[in-house]
């Protein structure tokens, strides 16, 4: 698992969560922007857990898909914040390693 190595100043590394559809100043995606998008996606997922549980019908209609997705993405999202990187490859690799 990806474990944060240092306690960096998060305000200097990852921009505050924002609506990226209105972020005219972002013209390219680096590791910090990718991390922000992934963490924003996790936050949005948190608002849709009940809906995802309700529509869960495959492979078994057990009504826990949304909850499972939220649990699965909690640690990787946390680690993106605690161990920021400018490298898009490192951010993607860390996210993938933590999810698996």
Protein backbone atom coordinates (compact mmCIF):
# COMPACT_ATOMS: atom_id res chain seq x y z
CA UNK A 1 0.00 0.00 0.00
CA UNK A 2 1.02 3.56 -0.61
CA UNK A 3 1.86 5.11 2.73
CA UNK A 4 2.48 8.86 3.02
CA UNK A 5 6.16 9.55 3.57
CA UNK A 6 6.20 13.16 4.68
CA UNK A 7 3.90 15.74 6.19
CA UNK A 8 4.05 18.44 3.52
CA UNK A 9 2.17 21.69 3.56
CA UNK A 10 -0.99 20.62 1.77
CA UNK A 11 -1.98 24.17 0.92
CA UNK A 12 1.19 24.53 -1.15
CA UNK A 13 0.80 21.20 -2.91
CA UNK A 14 -2.83 20.54 -3.73
CA UNK A 15 -5.20 23.34 -4.67
CA UNK A 16 -8.34 23.73 -2.60
CA UNK A 17 -11.16 21.52 -3.79
CA UNK A 18 -13.11 23.41 -6.38
CA UNK A 19 -15.53 22.98 -9.22
CA UNK A 20 -13.04 22.19 -11.97
CA UNK A 21 -15.64 22.94 -14.64
CA UNK A 22 -15.28 26.60 -13.66
CA UNK A 23 -11.50 26.60 -13.26
CA UNK A 24 -10.47 28.70 -16.28
CA UNK A 25 -6.95 29.09 -14.92
CA UNK A 26 -6.17 25.35 -15.14
CA UNK A 27 -4.81 24.73 -18.63
CA UNK A 28 -2.99 21.44 -18.04
CA UNK A 29 -3.21 18.44 -15.76
CA UNK A 30 -0.30 17.55 -13.50
CA UNK A 31 -0.22 15.24 -10.49
CA UNK A 32 -1.74 17.84 -8.18
CA UNK A 33 -4.67 18.53 -10.49
CA UNK A 34 -5.25 14.80 -11.07
CA UNK A 35 -5.24 14.25 -7.30
CA UNK A 36 -7.77 17.06 -6.89
CA UNK A 37 -10.02 15.51 -9.54
CA UNK A 38 -9.84 12.06 -7.91
CA UNK A 39 -10.52 13.42 -4.42
CA UNK A 40 -13.40 15.50 -5.80
CA UNK A 41 -14.79 12.35 -7.39
CA UNK A 42 -14.57 10.56 -4.05
CA UNK A 43 -16.40 13.44 -2.37
CA UNK A 44 -19.14 13.31 -5.02
CA UNK A 45 -19.39 9.53 -4.61
CA UNK A 46 -20.03 10.12 -0.92
CA UNK A 47 -23.17 12.05 -1.80
CA UNK A 48 -24.47 9.25 -4.05
CA UNK A 49 -23.93 6.16 -1.84
CA UNK A 50 -27.62 5.65 -1.10
CA UNK A 51 -28.57 6.01 -4.76
CA UNK A 52 -25.87 3.53 -5.85
CA UNK A 53 -27.00 1.08 -3.18
CA UNK A 54 -30.58 1.41 -4.43
CA UNK A 55 -29.79 0.72 -8.10
CA UNK A 56 -27.44 -2.17 -7.31
CA UNK A 57 -28.85 -5.20 -9.16
CA UNK A 58 -25.83 -7.03 -10.62
CA UNK A 59 -24.41 -9.55 -9.91
CA UNK A 60 -26.37 -9.76 -6.64
CA UNK A 61 -28.96 -7.21 -5.57
CA UNK A 62 -27.55 -6.86 -2.06
CA UNK A 63 -27.75 -3.06 -1.96
CA UNK A 64 -24.20 -2.33 -0.86
CA UNK A 65 -22.33 -1.31 -4.02
CA UNK A 66 -22.23 2.39 -3.14
CA UNK A 67 -21.00 1.66 0.38
CA UNK A 68 -18.37 -0.75 -0.97
CA UNK A 69 -17.13 1.81 -3.50
CA UNK A 70 -16.83 4.46 -0.78
CA UNK A 71 -14.88 2.13 1.51
CA UNK A 72 -12.62 1.03 -1.36
CA UNK A 73 -11.71 4.61 -2.31
CA UNK A 74 -11.36 6.10 1.19
CA UNK A 75 -7.70 5.19 1.85
CA UNK A 76 -6.46 5.97 -1.68
CA UNK A 77 -8.17 9.39 -1.57
CA UNK A 78 -6.71 10.12 1.86
CA UNK A 79 -3.24 9.18 0.67
CA UNK A 80 -3.50 11.48 -2.35
CA UNK A 81 -3.96 14.36 0.07
CA UNK A 82 -1.27 13.26 2.53
CA UNK A 83 1.38 12.42 -0.09
CA UNK A 84 0.98 14.93 -2.93
CA UNK A 85 3.07 14.82 -6.10
CA UNK A 86 3.47 16.89 -9.23
CA UNK A 87 3.96 13.67 -11.17
CA UNK A 88 0.79 12.46 -12.90
CA UNK A 89 2.38 9.01 -13.21
CA UNK A 90 3.10 8.80 -9.48
CA UNK A 91 -0.41 9.94 -8.53
CA UNK A 92 -2.03 7.44 -10.91
CA UNK A 93 0.28 4.64 -9.78
CA UNK A 94 -0.34 5.33 -6.09
CA UNK A 95 -4.09 5.46 -6.62
CA UNK A 96 -4.04 2.18 -8.56
CA UNK A 97 -1.81 0.45 -5.99
CA UNK A 98 -4.00 1.56 -3.08
CA UNK A 99 -7.22 0.46 -4.75
CA UNK A 100 -5.86 -2.99 -5.52
